[in-house]
Each structure stands twice: as C-alpha cells, then as structure tokens.
Amino acid sequence: MKLLKLNKKYSGLLVAFFMTLALDTAMTFIMTMVNNGWNDAFIHKFLNGWVIGFIVAFPTSILIIPLARRLAAKFIA
C-alpha cells in the first residue's frame, strides 16, 4: 500500500493535526476518568468530549503554534 504524500507546505497543518490528536485524546481520556470514573457510559462520554475538544483544539493549535515558535525563538541564543 502506497501512502499519500503531501506537499511540504502542509507540514505545519499536519504537525498541528497530529499534536492536537495526541493531546486531545490524552486530556479527554484523563478528564473523563477523573470526572466520571470508569462506568458504562465512559466510552460515550469520552468520545463526545473528544469530538468537542478536537473541534476547539485544532483551530486553536493552528493559531497558537506560530506564536509559540516566535516566542520560543526569543529565548534561544
């Protein structure tokens, strides 16, 4: 199976996508567990929270990552 190769200009979006995917999944899982514990509704609540979190987090990360890079550059010699 051959993987789809994207143009390098999309690398920033792809990094933001995978970073958001990992962080949103981890944070939603932990917060659902803390707030509700493991119960019959856990998967439903987790997935519901995950979708909402991803919808908010992905556009936010697209806006924040360039700002964070510029801010970090100010601290690097």
PDB file of N, CA and C in Angstrom:
ATOM      1  N   MET A   1       0.846  -1.184   0.000  1.00  0.00           N
ATOM      2  CA  MET A   1       0.000   0.000   0.000  1.00  0.00           C
ATOM      3  C   MET A   1       0.887   1.242   0.000  1.00  0.00           C
ATOM      4  N   LYS A   2       0.611   2.140  -0.902  1.00  0.00           N
ATOM      5  CA  LYS A   2       1.404   3.356  -1.018  1.00  0.00           C
ATOM      6  C   LYS A   2       0.729   4.483  -0.229  1.00  0.00           C
ATOM      7  N   LEU A   3       1.519   5.182   0.597  1.00  0.00           N
ATOM      8  CA  LEU A   3       0.990   6.281   1.388  1.00  0.00           C
ATOM      9  C   LEU A   3       0.848   7.538   0.549  1.00  0.00           C
ATOM     10  N   LEU A   4      -0.140   8.323   0.875  1.00  0.00           N
ATOM     11  CA  LEU A   4      -0.344   9.614   0.236  1.00  0.00           C
ATOM     12  C   LEU A   4       0.745  10.570   0.706  1.00  0.00           C
ATOM     13  N   LYS A   5       1.416  11.202  -0.209  1.00  0.00           N
ATOM     14  CA  LYS A   5       2.460  12.168   0.127  1.00  0.00           C
ATOM     15  C   LYS A   5       1.926  13.564  -0.139  1.00  0.00           C
ATOM     16  N   LEU A   6       2.005  14.411   0.882  1.00  0.00           N
ATOM     17  CA  LEU A   6       1.540  15.787   0.749  1.00  0.00           C
ATOM     18  C   LEU A   6       2.703  16.718   0.463  1.00  0.00           C
ATOM     19  N   ASN A   7       2.395  17.862  -0.089  1.00  0.00           N
ATOM     20  CA  ASN A   7       3.375  18.906  -0.335  1.00  0.00           C
ATOM     21  C   ASN A   7       3.918  19.412   1.000  1.00  0.00           C
ATOM     22  N   LYS A   8       5.193  19.814   1.017  1.00  0.00           N
ATOM     23  CA  LYS A   8       5.823  20.288   2.256  1.00  0.00           C
ATOM     24  C   LYS A   8       5.123  21.505   2.847  1.00  0.00           C
ATOM     25  N   LYS A   9       4.416  22.270   2.036  1.00  0.00           N
ATOM     26  CA  LYS A   9       3.751  23.466   2.567  1.00  0.00           C
ATOM     27  C   LYS A   9       2.648  23.110   3.566  1.00  0.00           C
ATOM     28  N   TYR A  10       2.211  21.854   3.576  1.00  0.00           N
ATOM     29  CA  TYR A  10       1.179  21.416   4.515  1.00  0.00           C
ATOM     30  C   TYR A  10       1.752  20.809   5.789  1.00  0.00           C
ATOM     31  N   SER A  11       3.057  20.835   5.940  1.00  0.00           N
ATOM     32  CA  SER A  11       3.671  20.187   7.101  1.00  0.00           C
ATOM     33  C   SER A  11       3.230  20.837   8.415  1.00  0.00           C
ATOM     34  N   GLY A  12       3.071  22.143   8.440  1.00  0.00           N
ATOM     35  CA  GLY A  12       2.613  22.814   9.655  1.00  0.00           C
ATOM     36  C   GLY A  12       1.226  22.356  10.069  1.00  0.00           C
ATOM     37  N   LEU A  13       0.329  22.245   9.110  1.00  0.00           N
ATOM     38  CA  LEU A  13      -1.024  21.772   9.413  1.00  0.00           C
ATOM     39  C   LEU A  13      -1.010  20.321   9.877  1.00  0.00           C
ATOM     40  N   LEU A  14      -0.157  19.513   9.262  1.00  0.00           N
ATOM     41  CA  LEU A  14      -0.082  18.114   9.643  1.00  0.00           C
ATOM     42  C   LEU A  14       0.482  17.945  11.048  1.00  0.00           C
ATOM     43  N   VAL A  15       1.485  18.731  11.373  1.00  0.00           N
ATOM     44  CA  VAL A  15       2.043  18.708  12.732  1.00  0.00           C
ATOM     45  C   VAL A  15       0.967  19.132  13.729  1.00  0.00           C
ATOM     46  N   ALA A  16       0.254  20.208  13.430  1.00  0.00           N
ATOM     47  CA  ALA A  16      -0.822  20.668  14.321  1.00  0.00           C
ATOM     48  C   ALA A  16      -1.898  19.607  14.474  1.00  0.00           C
ATOM     49  N   PHE A  17      -2.240  18.921  13.378  1.00  0.00           N
ATOM     50  CA  PHE A  17      -3.259  17.875  13.428  1.00  0.00           C
ATOM     51  C   PHE A  17      -2.834  16.739  14.355  1.00  0.00           C
ATOM     52  N   PHE A  18      -1.624  16.205  14.153  1.00  0.00           N
ATOM     53  CA  PHE A  18      -1.172  15.075  14.966  1.00  0.00           C
ATOM     54  C   PHE A  18      -0.938  15.473  16.420  1.00  0.00           C
ATOM     55  N   MET A  19      -0.445  16.680  16.648  1.00  0.00           N
ATOM     56  CA  MET A  19      -0.235  17.161  18.014  1.00  0.00           C
ATOM     57  C   MET A  19      -1.583  17.304  18.724  1.00  0.00           C
ATOM     58  N   THR A  20      -2.543  17.891  18.043  1.00  0.00           N
ATOM     59  CA  THR A  20      -3.882  18.040  18.613  1.00  0.00           C
ATOM     60  C   THR A  20      -4.522  16.687  18.860  1.00  0.00           C
ATOM     61  N   LEU A  21      -4.372  15.776  17.933  1.00  0.00           N
ATOM     62  CA  LEU A  21      -4.936  14.438  18.080  1.00  0.00           C
ATOM     63  C   LEU A  21      -4.405  13.756  19.344  1.00  0.00           C
ATOM     64  N   ALA A  22      -3.095  13.794  19.526  1.00  0.00           N
ATOM     65  CA  ALA A  22      -2.485  13.149  20.695  1.00  0.00           C
ATOM     66  C   ALA A  22      -2.880  13.837  22.000  1.00  0.00           C
ATOM     67  N   LEU A  23      -2.757  15.147  22.042  1.00  0.00           N
ATOM     68  CA  LEU A  23      -3.052  15.872  23.281  1.00  0.00           C
ATOM     69  C   LEU A  23      -4.531  15.834  23.639  1.00  0.00           C
ATOM     70  N   ASP A  24      -5.384  16.017  22.652  1.00  0.00           N
ATOM     71  CA  ASP A  24      -6.821  15.996  22.917  1.00  0.00           C
ATOM     72  C   ASP A  24      -7.267  14.619  23.396  1.00  0.00           C
ATOM     73  N   THR A  25      -6.733  13.573  22.793  1.00  0.00           N
ATOM     74  CA  THR A  25      -7.092  12.222  23.218  1.00  0.00           C
ATOM     75  C   THR A  25      -6.662  11.968  24.659  1.00  0.00           C
ATOM     76  N   ALA A  26      -5.419  12.304  24.983  1.00  0.00           N
ATOM     77  CA  ALA A  26      -4.912  12.084  26.340  1.00  0.00           C
ATOM     78  C   ALA A  26      -5.683  12.917  27.368  1.00  0.00           C
ATOM     79  N   MET A  27      -5.863  14.200  27.083  1.00  0.00           N
ATOM     80  CA  MET A  27      -6.539  15.079  28.043  1.00  0.00           C
ATOM     81  C   MET A  27      -8.007  14.683  28.230  1.00  0.00           C
ATOM     82  N   THR A  28      -8.691  14.365  27.143  1.00  0.00           N
ATOM     83  CA  THR A  28     -10.095  13.981  27.254  1.00  0.00           C
ATOM     84  C   THR A  28     -10.242  12.678  28.026  1.00  0.00           C
ATOM     85  N   PHE A  29      -9.361  11.721  27.767  1.00  0.00           N
ATOM     86  CA  PHE A  29      -9.413  10.453  28.482  1.00  0.00           C
ATOM     87  C   PHE A  29      -9.237  10.676  29.984  1.00  0.00           C
ATOM     88  N   ILE A  30      -8.203  11.419  30.362  1.00  0.00           N
ATOM     89  CA  ILE A  30      -7.913  11.657  31.780  1.00  0.00           C
ATOM     90  C   ILE A  30      -9.039  12.445  32.444  1.00  0.00           C
ATOM     91  N   MET A  31      -9.506  13.505  31.803  1.00  0.00           N
ATOM     92  CA  MET A  31     -10.559  14.329  32.416  1.00  0.00           C
ATOM     93  C   MET A  31     -11.882  13.569  32.515  1.00  0.00           C
ATOM     94  N   THR A  32     -12.187  12.728  31.543  1.00  0.00           N
ATOM     95  CA  THR A  32     -13.401  11.911  31.629  1.00  0.00           C
ATOM     96  C   THR A  32     -13.274  10.914  32.780  1.00  0.00           C
ATOM     97  N   MET A  33     -12.093  10.323  32.916  1.00  0.00           N
ATOM     98  CA  MET A  33     -11.856   9.369  34.002  1.00  0.00           C
ATOM     99  C   MET A  33     -11.947  10.063  35.367  1.00  0.00           C
ATOM    100  N   VAL A  34     -11.338  11.224  35.498  1.00  0.00           N
ATOM    101  CA  VAL A  34     -11.357  11.957  36.767  1.00  0.00           C
ATOM    102  C   VAL A  34     -12.781  12.377  37.136  1.00  0.00           C
ATOM    103  N   ASN A  35     -13.505  12.892  36.174  1.00  0.00           N
ATOM    104  CA  ASN A  35     -14.842  13.424  36.459  1.00  0.00           C
ATOM    105  C   ASN A  35     -15.933  12.365  36.578  1.00  0.00           C
ATOM    106  N   ASN A  36     -15.783  11.240  35.879  1.00  0.00           N
ATOM    107  CA  ASN A  36     -16.862  10.250  35.844  1.00  0.00           C
ATOM    108  C   ASN A  36     -16.461   8.863  36.313  1.00  0.00           C
ATOM    109  N   GLY A  37     -15.172   8.581  36.337  1.00  0.00           N
ATOM    110  CA  GLY A  37     -14.731   7.226  36.657  1.00  0.00           C
ATOM    111  C   GLY A  37     -15.043   6.280  35.510  1.00  0.00           C
ATOM    112  N   TRP A  38     -14.604   5.033  35.677  1.00  0.00           N
ATOM    113  CA  TRP A  38     -14.862   4.030  34.645  1.00  0.00           C
ATOM    114  C   TRP A  38     -16.242   3.444  34.886  1.00  0.00           C
ATOM    115  N   ASN A  39     -17.165   3.713  33.980  1.00  0.00           N
ATOM    116  CA  ASN A  39     -18.521   3.182  34.105  1.00  0.00           C
ATOM    117  C   ASN A  39     -19.069   2.832  32.731  1.00  0.00           C
ATOM    118  N   ASP A  40     -20.314   2.442  32.686  1.00  0.00           N
ATOM    119  CA  ASP A  40     -20.928   2.013  31.425  1.00  0.00           C
ATOM    120  C   ASP A  40     -20.993   3.128  30.382  1.00  0.00           C
ATOM    121  N   ALA A  41     -21.053   4.354  30.828  1.00  0.00           N
ATOM    122  CA  ALA A  41     -21.172   5.484  29.901  1.00  0.00           C
ATOM    123  C   ALA A  41     -19.818   6.104  29.551  1.00  0.00           C
ATOM    124  N   PHE A  42     -18.724   5.512  30.042  1.00  0.00           N
ATOM    125  CA  PHE A  42     -17.408   6.124  29.864  1.00  0.00           C
ATOM    126  C   PHE A  42     -17.067   6.361  28.388  1.00  0.00           C
ATOM    127  N   ILE A  43     -17.191   5.341  27.559  1.00  0.00           N
ATOM    128  CA  ILE A  43     -16.800   5.463  26.152  1.00  0.00           C
ATOM    129  C   ILE A  43     -17.628   6.534  25.452  1.00  0.00           C
ATOM    130  N   HIS A  44     -18.924   6.559  25.711  1.00  0.00           N
ATOM    131  CA  HIS A  44     -19.790   7.573  25.107  1.00  0.00           C
ATOM    132  C   HIS A  44     -19.368   8.977  25.541  1.00  0.00           C
ATOM    133  N   LYS A  45     -19.154   9.162  26.832  1.00  0.00           N
ATOM    134  CA  LYS A  45     -18.754  10.484  27.338  1.00  0.00           C
ATOM    135  C   LYS A  45     -17.373  10.874  26.821  1.00  0.00           C
ATOM    136  N   PHE A  46     -16.465   9.896  26.772  1.00  0.00           N
ATOM    137  CA  PHE A  46     -15.121  10.169  26.270  1.00  0.00           C
ATOM    138  C   PHE A  46     -15.171  10.613  24.811  1.00  0.00           C
ATOM    139  N   LEU A  47     -15.870   9.872  23.979  1.00  0.00           N
ATOM    140  CA  LEU A  47     -15.927  10.218  22.556  1.00  0.00           C
ATOM    141  C   LEU A  47     -16.632  11.546  22.316  1.00  0.00           C
ATOM    142  N   ASN A  48     -17.684  11.801  23.070  1.00  0.00           N
ATOM    143  CA  ASN A  48     -18.391  13.079  22.955  1.00  0.00           C
ATOM    144  C   ASN A  48     -17.460  14.236  23.323  1.00  0.00           C
ATOM    145  N   GLY A  49     -16.762  14.097  24.439  1.00  0.00           N
ATOM    146  CA  GLY A  49     -15.816  15.137  24.858  1.00  0.00           C
ATOM    147  C   GLY A  49     -14.652  15.270  23.896  1.00  0.00           C
ATOM    148  N   TRP A  50     -14.202  14.138  23.353  1.00  0.00           N
ATOM    149  CA  TRP A  50     -13.074  14.161  22.423  1.00  0.00           C
ATOM    150  C   TRP A  50     -13.415  14.941  21.155  1.00  0.00           C
ATOM    151  N   VAL A  51     -14.600  14.691  20.594  1.00  0.00           N
ATOM    152  CA  VAL A  51     -15.007  15.396  19.373  1.00  0.00           C
ATOM    153  C   VAL A  51     -15.092  16.893  19.622  1.00  0.00           C
ATOM    154  N   ILE A  52     -15.730  17.285  20.691  1.00  0.00           N
ATOM    155  CA  ILE A  52     -15.859  18.711  21.015  1.00  0.00           C
ATOM    156  C   ILE A  52     -14.476  19.320  21.245  1.00  0.00           C
ATOM    157  N   GLY A  53     -13.636  18.616  21.994  1.00  0.00           N
ATOM    158  CA  GLY A  53     -12.288  19.116  22.260  1.00  0.00           C
ATOM    159  C   GLY A  53     -11.477  19.272  20.990  1.00  0.00           C
ATOM    160  N   PHE A  54     -11.570  18.308  20.080  1.00  0.00           N
ATOM    161  CA  PHE A  54     -10.802  18.388  18.839  1.00  0.00           C
ATOM    162  C   PHE A  54     -11.265  19.549  17.974  1.00  0.00           C
ATOM    163  N   ILE A  55     -12.579  19.766  17.923  1.00  0.00           N
ATOM    164  CA  ILE A  55     -13.134  20.872  17.133  1.00  0.00           C
ATOM    165  C   ILE A  55     -12.611  22.216  17.647  1.00  0.00           C
ATOM    166  N   VAL A  56     -12.409  22.329  18.937  1.00  0.00           N
ATOM    167  CA  VAL A  56     -11.874  23.568  19.522  1.00  0.00           C
ATOM    168  C   VAL A  56     -10.346  23.604  19.430  1.00  0.00           C
ATOM    169  N   ALA A  57      -9.698  22.489  19.728  1.00  0.00           N
ATOM    170  CA  ALA A  57      -8.242  22.470  19.858  1.00  0.00           C
ATOM    171  C   ALA A  57      -7.506  22.584  18.528  1.00  0.00           C
ATOM    172  N   PHE A  58      -8.011  21.985  17.469  1.00  0.00           N
ATOM    173  CA  PHE A  58      -7.278  22.018  16.200  1.00  0.00           C
ATOM    174  C   PHE A  58      -7.144  23.437  15.645  1.00  0.00           C
ATOM    175  N   PRO A  59      -8.223  24.190  15.513  1.00  0.00           N
ATOM    176  CA  PRO A  59      -8.047  25.570  15.032  1.00  0.00           C
ATOM    177  C   PRO A  59      -7.211  26.418  15.998  1.00  0.00           C
ATOM    178  N   THR A  60      -7.360  26.158  17.291  1.00  0.00           N
ATOM    179  CA  THR A  60      -6.561  26.893  18.271  1.00  0.00           C
ATOM    180  C   THR A  60      -5.083  26.599  18.087  1.00  0.00           C
ATOM    181  N   SER A  61      -4.736  25.332  17.854  1.00  0.00           N
ATOM    182  CA  SER A  61      -3.329  24.990  17.679  1.00  0.00           C
ATOM    183  C   SER A  61      -2.768  25.598  16.400  1.00  0.00           C
ATOM    184  N   ILE A  62      -3.570  25.699  15.358  1.00  0.00           N
ATOM    185  CA  ILE A  62      -3.113  26.330  14.117  1.00  0.00           C
ATOM    186  C   ILE A  62      -2.759  27.788  14.366  1.00  0.00           C
ATOM    187  N   LEU A  63      -3.513  28.449  15.222  1.00  0.00           N
ATOM    188  CA  LEU A  63      -3.228  29.849  15.548  1.00  0.00           C
ATOM    189  C   LEU A  63      -2.073  29.996  16.533  1.00  0.00           C
ATOM    190  N   ILE A  64      -1.970  29.100  17.497  1.00  0.00           N
ATOM    191  CA  ILE A  64      -1.006  29.245  18.584  1.00  0.00           C
ATOM    192  C   ILE A  64       0.393  28.764  18.220  1.00  0.00           C
ATOM    193  N   ILE A  65       0.532  27.715  17.430  1.00  0.00           N
ATOM    194  CA  ILE A  65       1.854  27.164  17.133  1.00  0.00           C
ATOM    195  C   ILE A  65       2.808  28.208  16.543  1.00  0.00           C
ATOM    196  N   PRO A  66       2.406  28.997  15.543  1.00  0.00           N
ATOM    197  CA  PRO A  66       3.346  30.011  15.038  1.00  0.00           C
ATOM    198  C   PRO A  66       3.731  31.050  16.099  1.00  0.00           C
ATOM    199  N   LEU A  67       2.779  31.425  16.926  1.00  0.00           N
ATOM    200  CA  LEU A  67       3.087  32.373  18.002  1.00  0.00           C
ATOM    201  C   LEU A  67       4.047  31.764  19.013  1.00  0.00           C
ATOM    202  N   ALA A  68       3.832  30.508  19.341  1.00  0.00           N
ATOM    203  CA  ALA A  68       4.704  29.818  20.291  1.00  0.00           C
ATOM    204  C   ALA A  68       6.116  29.681  19.729  1.00  0.00           C
ATOM    205  N   ARG A  69       6.239  29.418  18.439  1.00  0.00           N
ATOM    206  CA  ARG A  69       7.565  29.333  17.812  1.00  0.00           C
ATOM    207  C   ARG A  69       8.295  30.667  17.894  1.00  0.00           C
ATOM    208  N   ARG A  70       7.585  31.762  17.601  1.00  0.00           N
ATOM    209  CA  ARG A  70       8.224  33.083  17.693  1.00  0.00           C
ATOM    210  C   ARG A  70       8.607  33.415  19.118  1.00  0.00           C
ATOM    211  N   LEU A  71       7.763  33.092  20.065  1.00  0.00           N
ATOM    212  CA  LEU A  71       8.071  33.354  21.473  1.00  0.00           C
ATOM    213  C   LEU A  71       9.260  32.509  21.919  1.00  0.00           C
ATOM    214  N   ALA A  72       9.288  31.259  21.552  1.00  0.00           N
ATOM    215  CA  ALA A  72      10.404  30.388  21.924  1.00  0.00           C
ATOM    216  C   ALA A  72      11.718  30.884  21.306  1.00  0.00           C
ATOM    217  N   ALA A  73      11.639  31.402  20.072  1.00  0.00           N
ATOM    218  CA  ALA A  73      12.844  31.907  19.400  1.00  0.00           C
ATOM    219  C   ALA A  73      13.474  33.068  20.166  1.00  0.00           C
ATOM    220  N   LYS A  74      12.671  33.831  20.893  1.00  0.00           N
ATOM    221  CA  LYS A  74      13.201  34.953  21.675  1.00  0.00           C
ATOM    222  C   LYS A  74      14.052  34.476  22.854  1.00  0.00           C
ATOM    223  N   PHE A  75      13.851  33.233  23.287  1.00  0.00           N
ATOM    224  CA  PHE A  75      14.599  32.685  24.420  1.00  0.00           C
ATOM    225  C   PHE A  75      15.800  31.855  23.990  1.00  0.00           C
ATOM    226  N   ILE A  76      15.991  31.696  22.689  1.00  0.00           N
ATOM    227  CA  ILE A  76      17.087  30.878  22.169  1.00  0.00           C
ATOM    228  C   ILE A  76      18.163  31.780  21.608  1.00  0.00           C
ATOM    229  N   ALA A  77      19.405  31.486  21.993  1.00  0.00           N
ATOM    230  CA  ALA A  77      20.532  32.330  21.552  1.00  0.00           C
ATOM    231  C   ALA A  77      20.854  32.120  20.106  1.00  0.00           C
TER     232      ALA A  77
END
